[in-house]
N, C-alpha and C. Protein backbone atom coordinates (compact mmCIF):
# COMPACT_ATOMS: atom_id res chain seq x y z
N MET A 1 38.93 88.02 90.94
CA MET A 1 40.35 88.15 90.71
C MET A 1 40.55 89.28 89.71
N ALA A 2 41.49 90.16 90.02
CA ALA A 2 41.75 91.32 89.18
C ALA A 2 42.50 90.89 87.92
N ALA A 3 42.18 91.54 86.86
CA ALA A 3 42.84 91.25 85.59
C ALA A 3 44.24 91.84 85.61
N VAL A 4 45.17 91.14 85.00
CA VAL A 4 46.55 91.60 84.90
C VAL A 4 46.67 92.39 83.61
N SER A 5 47.24 93.57 83.71
CA SER A 5 47.36 94.41 82.51
C SER A 5 48.49 93.92 81.62
N MET A 6 48.43 94.30 80.38
CA MET A 6 49.48 93.96 79.43
C MET A 6 50.82 94.58 79.86
N TYR A 7 50.76 95.74 80.48
CA TYR A 7 51.97 96.41 80.95
C TYR A 7 52.66 95.57 82.02
N GLU A 8 51.88 95.01 82.97
CA GLU A 8 52.45 94.18 84.04
C GLU A 8 53.06 92.91 83.48
N ILE A 9 52.40 92.29 82.52
CA ILE A 9 52.94 91.10 81.88
C ILE A 9 54.25 91.43 81.16
N PHE A 10 54.25 92.54 80.43
CA PHE A 10 55.45 92.97 79.72
C PHE A 10 56.62 93.18 80.69
N CYS A 11 56.35 93.84 81.83
CA CYS A 11 57.41 94.11 82.81
C CYS A 11 57.97 92.81 83.37
N VAL A 12 57.12 91.86 83.72
CA VAL A 12 57.58 90.58 84.25
C VAL A 12 58.41 89.84 83.21
N LEU A 13 57.94 89.79 81.97
CA LEU A 13 58.70 89.11 80.91
C LEU A 13 60.03 89.79 80.65
N LEU A 14 60.05 91.12 80.69
CA LEU A 14 61.29 91.85 80.48
C LEU A 14 62.31 91.52 81.57
N VAL A 15 61.86 91.49 82.80
CA VAL A 15 62.76 91.17 83.92
C VAL A 15 63.28 89.74 83.77
N LEU A 16 62.42 88.80 83.45
CA LEU A 16 62.83 87.41 83.31
C LEU A 16 63.76 87.21 82.12
N THR A 17 63.64 88.02 81.12
CA THR A 17 64.43 87.84 79.90
C THR A 17 65.82 88.44 80.00
N VAL A 18 65.96 89.58 80.60
CA VAL A 18 67.26 90.27 80.56
C VAL A 18 67.92 90.43 81.93
N THR A 19 67.46 89.72 82.92
CA THR A 19 68.05 89.87 84.25
C THR A 19 69.41 89.19 84.29
N THR A 20 70.40 89.94 84.74
CA THR A 20 71.71 89.40 85.05
C THR A 20 71.98 89.75 86.50
N GLN A 21 72.28 88.76 87.26
CA GLN A 21 72.50 88.98 88.68
C GLN A 21 73.99 88.92 88.98
N VAL A 22 74.49 89.92 89.69
CA VAL A 22 75.87 89.93 90.15
C VAL A 22 75.82 89.95 91.67
N SER A 23 76.48 88.97 92.28
CA SER A 23 76.48 88.94 93.73
C SER A 23 77.83 88.44 94.22
N GLY A 24 78.13 88.80 95.46
CA GLY A 24 79.37 88.35 96.07
C GLY A 24 79.11 87.17 96.97
N ASP A 25 80.12 86.35 97.11
CA ASP A 25 79.96 85.16 97.92
C ASP A 25 81.17 85.03 98.84
N CYS A 26 80.92 84.85 100.13
CA CYS A 26 81.96 84.66 101.12
C CYS A 26 81.77 83.31 101.80
N PRO A 27 82.87 82.72 102.28
CA PRO A 27 82.73 81.49 103.06
C PRO A 27 81.88 81.76 104.31
N SER A 28 81.26 80.74 104.80
CA SER A 28 80.41 80.86 105.99
C SER A 28 81.21 81.43 107.16
N GLY A 29 80.63 82.41 107.83
CA GLY A 29 81.26 83.02 108.99
C GLY A 29 82.12 84.23 108.68
N PHE A 30 82.39 84.49 107.40
CA PHE A 30 83.20 85.64 106.99
C PHE A 30 82.30 86.85 106.77
N LEU A 31 82.85 88.03 106.95
CA LEU A 31 82.11 89.28 106.79
C LEU A 31 82.65 90.04 105.59
N VAL A 32 81.76 90.58 104.76
CA VAL A 32 82.15 91.28 103.53
C VAL A 32 82.52 92.73 103.80
N HIS A 33 83.59 93.17 103.17
CA HIS A 33 83.96 94.59 103.11
C HIS A 33 84.65 94.80 101.78
N ALA A 34 84.15 95.77 101.00
CA ALA A 34 84.67 96.05 99.66
C ALA A 34 84.64 94.75 98.86
N ASN A 35 85.77 94.31 98.33
CA ASN A 35 85.81 93.10 97.51
C ASN A 35 86.43 91.91 98.23
N SER A 36 86.43 91.96 99.54
CA SER A 36 87.03 90.88 100.32
C SER A 36 86.09 90.42 101.43
N CYS A 37 86.41 89.25 101.96
CA CYS A 37 85.71 88.67 103.08
C CYS A 37 86.72 88.51 104.21
N TYR A 38 86.31 88.78 105.44
CA TYR A 38 87.22 88.75 106.59
C TYR A 38 86.65 87.90 107.71
N MET A 39 87.58 87.24 108.43
CA MET A 39 87.18 86.51 109.62
C MET A 39 88.32 86.55 110.62
N ASP A 40 87.98 86.84 111.86
CA ASP A 40 88.96 86.79 112.94
C ASP A 40 88.93 85.39 113.54
N PHE A 41 90.08 84.90 113.91
CA PHE A 41 90.19 83.57 114.49
C PHE A 41 90.66 83.69 115.93
N ASN A 42 89.87 83.16 116.83
CA ASN A 42 90.19 83.21 118.25
C ASN A 42 90.90 81.93 118.65
N ILE A 43 91.89 81.57 117.87
CA ILE A 43 92.79 80.47 118.21
C ILE A 43 94.20 81.03 118.13
N GLN A 44 95.13 80.37 118.78
CA GLN A 44 96.50 80.87 118.80
C GLN A 44 97.35 80.06 117.82
N ALA A 45 98.11 80.79 117.01
CA ALA A 45 98.97 80.16 116.02
C ALA A 45 100.18 81.04 115.77
N THR A 46 101.26 80.43 115.29
CA THR A 46 102.39 81.22 114.83
C THR A 46 101.96 81.94 113.56
N TRP A 47 102.79 82.86 113.10
CA TRP A 47 102.46 83.59 111.86
C TRP A 47 102.35 82.62 110.69
N ALA A 48 103.28 81.66 110.59
CA ALA A 48 103.25 80.69 109.49
C ALA A 48 102.03 79.77 109.59
N GLU A 49 101.71 79.32 110.80
CA GLU A 49 100.53 78.46 110.98
C GLU A 49 99.26 79.22 110.62
N ALA A 50 99.18 80.48 111.05
CA ALA A 50 98.01 81.30 110.73
C ALA A 50 97.87 81.46 109.21
N SER A 51 99.00 81.66 108.54
CA SER A 51 98.98 81.77 107.07
C SER A 51 98.43 80.50 106.42
N MET A 52 98.85 79.36 106.95
CA MET A 52 98.38 78.09 106.40
C MET A 52 96.88 77.89 106.65
N ILE A 53 96.40 78.29 107.83
CA ILE A 53 94.98 78.16 108.12
C ILE A 53 94.17 79.04 107.18
N CYS A 54 94.63 80.26 106.95
CA CYS A 54 93.93 81.14 106.00
C CYS A 54 93.91 80.52 104.60
N ASP A 55 95.01 79.89 104.22
CA ASP A 55 95.10 79.25 102.91
C ASP A 55 94.06 78.15 102.75
N VAL A 56 93.76 77.42 103.82
CA VAL A 56 92.74 76.37 103.78
C VAL A 56 91.38 76.97 103.40
N TYR A 57 91.13 78.20 103.82
CA TYR A 57 89.88 78.89 103.51
C TYR A 57 89.92 79.58 102.14
N GLY A 58 91.02 79.44 101.42
CA GLY A 58 91.16 80.09 100.12
C GLY A 58 91.62 81.53 100.24
N GLY A 59 92.24 81.88 101.36
CA GLY A 59 92.66 83.26 101.57
C GLY A 59 94.07 83.37 102.10
N TYR A 60 94.30 84.42 102.85
CA TYR A 60 95.63 84.77 103.34
C TYR A 60 95.45 85.68 104.55
N LEU A 61 96.53 85.87 105.31
CA LEU A 61 96.46 86.81 106.42
C LEU A 61 96.12 88.19 105.85
N ALA A 62 95.26 88.91 106.54
CA ALA A 62 94.72 90.17 106.04
C ALA A 62 95.83 91.15 105.64
N GLU A 63 95.61 91.79 104.50
CA GLU A 63 96.50 92.82 103.96
C GLU A 63 95.73 94.14 103.97
N ILE A 64 96.15 95.05 104.83
CA ILE A 64 95.43 96.31 105.01
C ILE A 64 96.02 97.35 104.06
N GLY A 65 95.22 97.76 103.09
CA GLY A 65 95.70 98.65 102.05
C GLY A 65 95.44 100.13 102.26
N ASP A 66 94.53 100.45 103.18
CA ASP A 66 94.23 101.87 103.40
C ASP A 66 93.55 102.05 104.76
N GLU A 67 93.32 103.30 105.09
CA GLU A 67 92.74 103.65 106.38
C GLU A 67 91.32 103.08 106.55
N HIS A 68 90.55 103.03 105.47
CA HIS A 68 89.19 102.51 105.55
C HIS A 68 89.20 101.03 105.91
N GLU A 69 90.09 100.29 105.28
CA GLU A 69 90.19 98.86 105.59
C GLU A 69 90.70 98.65 107.02
N GLN A 70 91.64 99.48 107.44
CA GLN A 70 92.15 99.43 108.82
C GLN A 70 91.00 99.63 109.81
N HIS A 71 90.18 100.66 109.59
CA HIS A 71 89.07 100.94 110.51
C HIS A 71 88.03 99.82 110.47
N PHE A 72 87.78 99.27 109.30
CA PHE A 72 86.81 98.19 109.19
C PHE A 72 87.27 96.98 110.01
N ILE A 73 88.51 96.55 109.82
CA ILE A 73 89.00 95.36 110.51
C ILE A 73 89.07 95.60 112.02
N ALA A 74 89.57 96.77 112.43
CA ALA A 74 89.63 97.09 113.86
C ALA A 74 88.22 97.11 114.45
N GLY A 75 87.26 97.70 113.75
CA GLY A 75 85.88 97.73 114.22
C GLY A 75 85.27 96.34 114.28
N TYR A 76 85.58 95.53 113.29
CA TYR A 76 85.08 94.16 113.23
C TYR A 76 85.56 93.37 114.45
N ILE A 77 86.84 93.50 114.78
CA ILE A 77 87.39 92.80 115.94
C ILE A 77 86.85 93.40 117.23
N SER A 78 86.68 94.72 117.27
CA SER A 78 86.24 95.42 118.49
C SER A 78 84.80 95.11 118.87
N ARG A 79 84.05 94.45 118.00
CA ARG A 79 82.66 94.13 118.33
C ARG A 79 82.59 93.20 119.54
N LYS A 80 83.69 92.52 119.81
CA LYS A 80 83.80 91.70 121.01
C LYS A 80 84.70 92.44 121.99
N THR A 81 84.68 92.04 123.22
CA THR A 81 85.56 92.68 124.20
C THR A 81 86.94 92.05 124.13
N LYS A 82 87.94 92.79 124.61
CA LYS A 82 89.30 92.28 124.59
C LYS A 82 89.39 90.94 125.31
N SER A 83 88.63 90.77 126.38
CA SER A 83 88.69 89.52 127.14
C SER A 83 88.11 88.33 126.37
N SER A 84 87.44 88.60 125.24
CA SER A 84 86.91 87.52 124.41
C SER A 84 88.02 86.78 123.68
N TYR A 85 89.16 87.43 123.53
CA TYR A 85 90.28 86.86 122.79
C TYR A 85 91.42 86.52 123.73
N LYS A 86 92.10 85.46 123.43
CA LYS A 86 93.33 85.12 124.13
C LYS A 86 94.41 85.01 123.07
N PRO A 87 95.40 85.84 122.99
CA PRO A 87 95.74 86.94 123.87
C PRO A 87 95.20 88.30 123.41
N GLY A 88 94.51 88.37 122.30
CA GLY A 88 93.99 89.67 121.82
C GLY A 88 94.97 90.41 120.94
N ILE A 89 95.95 89.69 120.44
CA ILE A 89 96.91 90.22 119.47
C ILE A 89 96.67 89.43 118.19
N PHE A 90 96.68 90.12 117.04
CA PHE A 90 96.27 89.50 115.78
C PHE A 90 97.36 89.63 114.72
N TRP A 91 97.72 88.49 114.14
CA TRP A 91 98.65 88.51 113.02
C TRP A 91 97.99 89.12 111.80
N LEU A 92 98.75 89.92 111.07
CA LEU A 92 98.36 90.43 109.75
C LEU A 92 99.36 89.88 108.75
N GLY A 93 99.13 90.11 107.47
CA GLY A 93 99.87 89.41 106.43
C GLY A 93 101.16 90.03 105.92
N ALA A 94 101.84 90.84 106.70
CA ALA A 94 103.09 91.43 106.23
C ALA A 94 104.26 90.96 107.08
N SER A 95 105.44 90.97 106.47
CA SER A 95 106.67 90.64 107.18
C SER A 95 107.85 91.32 106.51
N ASP A 96 108.97 91.32 107.23
CA ASP A 96 110.24 91.73 106.62
C ASP A 96 111.22 90.57 106.70
N LEU A 97 110.69 89.36 106.54
CA LEU A 97 111.51 88.15 106.61
C LEU A 97 112.57 88.09 105.51
N LEU A 98 112.25 88.60 104.33
CA LEU A 98 113.22 88.53 103.22
C LEU A 98 114.37 89.51 103.40
N THR A 99 114.03 90.75 103.74
CA THR A 99 115.04 91.80 103.93
C THR A 99 114.62 92.65 105.12
N GLU A 100 115.47 92.71 106.12
CA GLU A 100 115.17 93.48 107.32
C GLU A 100 114.82 94.92 106.96
N GLY A 101 113.65 95.37 107.48
CA GLY A 101 113.22 96.74 107.27
C GLY A 101 112.40 96.97 106.01
N GLU A 102 112.33 95.97 105.13
CA GLU A 102 111.52 96.08 103.91
C GLU A 102 110.26 95.25 104.08
N TRP A 103 109.20 95.93 104.52
CA TRP A 103 107.95 95.26 104.84
C TRP A 103 107.13 95.02 103.59
N MET A 104 106.72 93.75 103.41
CA MET A 104 105.93 93.35 102.24
C MET A 104 104.74 92.52 102.67
N TRP A 105 103.65 92.66 101.91
CA TRP A 105 102.50 91.79 102.11
C TRP A 105 102.84 90.44 101.51
N SER A 106 102.58 89.36 102.26
CA SER A 106 103.00 88.03 101.84
C SER A 106 102.19 87.48 100.66
N ASN A 107 100.93 87.82 100.56
CA ASN A 107 100.11 87.29 99.47
C ASN A 107 100.34 88.04 98.17
N SER A 108 100.28 89.34 98.21
CA SER A 108 100.39 90.13 96.98
C SER A 108 101.84 90.44 96.60
N ASP A 109 102.79 90.13 97.48
CA ASP A 109 104.21 90.43 97.24
C ASP A 109 104.44 91.90 96.90
N THR A 110 103.73 92.77 97.61
CA THR A 110 103.90 94.21 97.38
C THR A 110 104.35 94.87 98.68
N TYR A 111 105.08 95.98 98.52
CA TYR A 111 105.49 96.75 99.68
C TYR A 111 104.27 97.45 100.28
N LEU A 112 104.34 97.70 101.57
CA LEU A 112 103.27 98.41 102.25
C LEU A 112 103.22 99.85 101.74
N THR A 113 102.07 100.26 101.24
CA THR A 113 101.90 101.67 100.84
C THR A 113 101.20 102.43 101.96
N TYR A 114 100.24 101.79 102.60
CA TYR A 114 99.60 102.35 103.80
C TYR A 114 100.29 101.71 105.00
N LYS A 115 100.62 102.52 106.00
CA LYS A 115 101.26 102.00 107.22
C LYS A 115 100.59 102.62 108.44
N ASN A 116 100.46 101.82 109.48
CA ASN A 116 99.85 102.30 110.72
C ASN A 116 100.66 101.80 111.93
N PHE A 117 101.98 101.91 111.83
CA PHE A 117 102.83 101.45 112.92
C PHE A 117 102.68 102.37 114.14
N ALA A 118 102.75 101.76 115.31
CA ALA A 118 102.77 102.51 116.56
C ALA A 118 104.06 103.31 116.62
N PRO A 119 104.09 104.39 117.40
CA PRO A 119 105.33 105.17 117.52
C PRO A 119 106.49 104.27 117.95
N GLY A 120 107.62 104.42 117.29
CA GLY A 120 108.81 103.63 117.60
C GLY A 120 108.83 102.24 116.97
N GLU A 121 107.82 101.93 116.21
CA GLU A 121 107.73 100.63 115.54
C GLU A 121 107.85 100.82 114.03
N PRO A 122 108.30 99.84 113.31
CA PRO A 122 108.84 98.57 113.78
C PRO A 122 110.26 98.77 114.35
N ASN A 123 110.59 97.98 115.37
CA ASN A 123 111.89 98.18 116.02
C ASN A 123 112.77 96.93 116.02
N ASN A 124 112.25 95.81 115.54
CA ASN A 124 113.02 94.57 115.48
C ASN A 124 113.71 94.27 116.81
N ALA A 125 112.97 94.37 117.90
CA ALA A 125 113.52 94.16 119.24
C ALA A 125 114.27 92.83 119.32
N ALA A 126 115.42 92.87 119.90
CA ALA A 126 116.29 91.70 120.09
C ALA A 126 116.63 91.03 118.76
N GLY A 127 116.45 91.74 117.66
CA GLY A 127 116.80 91.20 116.35
C GLY A 127 115.91 90.06 115.88
N GLY A 128 114.72 89.92 116.48
CA GLY A 128 113.90 88.78 116.13
C GLY A 128 112.44 89.07 115.85
N GLU A 129 112.13 90.30 115.44
CA GLU A 129 110.72 90.64 115.16
C GLU A 129 110.57 90.93 113.66
N HIS A 130 109.89 90.00 112.98
CA HIS A 130 109.80 90.12 111.53
C HIS A 130 108.38 89.96 110.98
N CYS A 131 107.39 89.82 111.85
CA CYS A 131 106.02 89.62 111.39
C CYS A 131 105.10 90.68 111.98
N LEU A 132 104.08 91.06 111.20
CA LEU A 132 103.21 92.18 111.56
C LEU A 132 102.01 91.71 112.38
N GLU A 133 101.74 92.48 113.44
CA GLU A 133 100.55 92.24 114.26
C GLU A 133 99.97 93.57 114.73
N PHE A 134 98.72 93.51 115.17
CA PHE A 134 98.12 94.63 115.89
C PHE A 134 97.23 94.07 116.99
N ASP A 135 96.90 94.92 117.98
CA ASP A 135 96.16 94.40 119.12
C ASP A 135 95.28 95.47 119.76
N PHE A 136 94.41 94.99 120.64
CA PHE A 136 93.50 95.87 121.38
C PHE A 136 94.25 96.93 122.16
N SER A 137 95.24 96.50 122.95
CA SER A 137 95.90 97.44 123.86
C SER A 137 96.67 98.52 123.13
N GLY A 138 97.04 98.28 121.88
CA GLY A 138 97.76 99.29 121.10
C GLY A 138 96.85 100.06 120.17
N ASN A 139 95.54 100.05 120.46
CA ASN A 139 94.55 100.73 119.60
C ASN A 139 94.69 100.33 118.14
N PHE A 140 95.05 99.08 117.93
CA PHE A 140 95.16 98.50 116.60
C PHE A 140 96.23 99.16 115.73
N GLN A 141 97.20 99.82 116.39
CA GLN A 141 98.36 100.27 115.64
C GLN A 141 99.27 99.07 115.44
N TRP A 142 100.07 99.12 114.39
CA TRP A 142 100.86 97.97 114.01
C TRP A 142 102.15 97.87 114.82
N ASN A 143 102.62 96.63 114.92
CA ASN A 143 103.85 96.32 115.63
C ASN A 143 104.52 95.13 114.96
N ASP A 144 105.85 95.12 114.96
CA ASP A 144 106.55 93.92 114.53
C ASP A 144 106.73 93.02 115.74
N ASN A 145 106.67 91.70 115.50
CA ASN A 145 106.77 90.78 116.61
C ASN A 145 107.45 89.50 116.13
N ASN A 146 107.83 88.67 117.09
CA ASN A 146 108.47 87.39 116.78
C ASN A 146 107.45 86.48 116.10
N CYS A 147 107.78 85.99 114.92
CA CYS A 147 106.85 85.18 114.12
C CYS A 147 106.45 83.87 114.78
N GLU A 148 107.20 83.44 115.78
CA GLU A 148 106.90 82.17 116.46
C GLU A 148 105.94 82.34 117.62
N ASN A 149 105.62 83.57 117.98
CA ASN A 149 104.64 83.79 119.05
C ASN A 149 103.27 83.28 118.63
N LEU A 150 102.49 82.87 119.60
CA LEU A 150 101.15 82.34 119.33
C LEU A 150 100.12 83.43 119.54
N TYR A 151 99.51 83.88 118.43
CA TYR A 151 98.53 84.96 118.47
C TYR A 151 97.28 84.58 117.70
N ASN A 152 96.24 85.38 117.89
CA ASN A 152 95.04 85.27 117.06
C ASN A 152 95.39 85.81 115.68
N PHE A 153 94.46 85.78 114.74
CA PHE A 153 94.77 86.27 113.41
C PHE A 153 93.50 86.61 112.65
N VAL A 154 93.68 87.36 111.57
CA VAL A 154 92.58 87.77 110.70
C VAL A 154 92.88 87.28 109.29
N CYS A 155 91.95 86.51 108.73
CA CYS A 155 92.09 86.03 107.36
C CYS A 155 91.28 86.91 106.42
N GLU A 156 91.79 87.06 105.22
CA GLU A 156 91.10 87.78 104.14
C GLU A 156 90.96 86.81 102.97
N VAL A 157 89.76 86.74 102.43
CA VAL A 157 89.47 85.89 101.29
C VAL A 157 88.87 86.77 100.20
N PRO A 158 89.41 86.73 98.98
CA PRO A 158 88.80 87.52 97.91
C PRO A 158 87.35 87.09 97.70
N MET A 159 86.47 88.06 97.57
CA MET A 159 85.06 87.76 97.36
C MET A 159 84.89 87.15 95.98
N LYS A 160 84.16 86.04 95.93
CA LYS A 160 83.87 85.41 94.65
C LYS A 160 82.69 86.13 94.03
N ILE A 161 82.89 86.63 92.85
CA ILE A 161 81.83 87.32 92.13
C ILE A 161 81.18 86.33 91.18
N SER A 162 79.89 86.16 91.35
CA SER A 162 79.17 85.26 90.45
C SER A 162 78.17 86.08 89.65
N THR A 163 78.08 85.75 88.41
CA THR A 163 77.11 86.44 87.55
C THR A 163 76.17 85.40 86.96
N GLY A 164 74.92 85.72 87.02
CA GLY A 164 73.92 84.86 86.40
C GLY A 164 73.82 85.20 84.92
N GLY A 165 73.46 84.25 84.13
CA GLY A 165 73.32 84.49 82.70
C GLY A 165 71.97 85.08 82.37
N ILE A 166 71.72 85.20 81.11
CA ILE A 166 70.41 85.69 80.66
C ILE A 166 69.42 84.57 80.81
N ILE A 167 68.32 84.88 81.43
CA ILE A 167 67.27 83.91 81.67
C ILE A 167 66.20 84.06 80.60
N GLY A 168 65.76 82.98 80.08
CA GLY A 168 64.64 83.10 79.16
C GLY A 168 64.76 82.31 77.92
């Protein structure tokens, strides 16, 4: 058996003494991106029902803050084929329920700074479209829709950051 050098012992003791571990934690089945965890749900729910389901997981309907997050979520959903989802339209977490034309994220209560609406949207068709969705057929561009429609949805859960203490 080879002798262990004093240097190797010192290195092991140093690591054991001052190691602090920082890691992120997501609920089972969720995928990490930046500081959030995401999961698509292939069940149909109204916008309010979808919000409540996300709340059960400790999250909210996804709030897309920039182009990178938009591409991540669209790519995440696109890993399956459109036929994998019924109907393949996904609720997101914004609405203009409080004031027509003033789109806000429901969880953070902030106005949309990044927008990816399809041309001609939002249009509040028939005066009854107040909730945000995107879908496969629209290349994941945003659309306003009737909040009572039954669609799939994407939940976002803030990543839990856990830090280990000093060991030793």
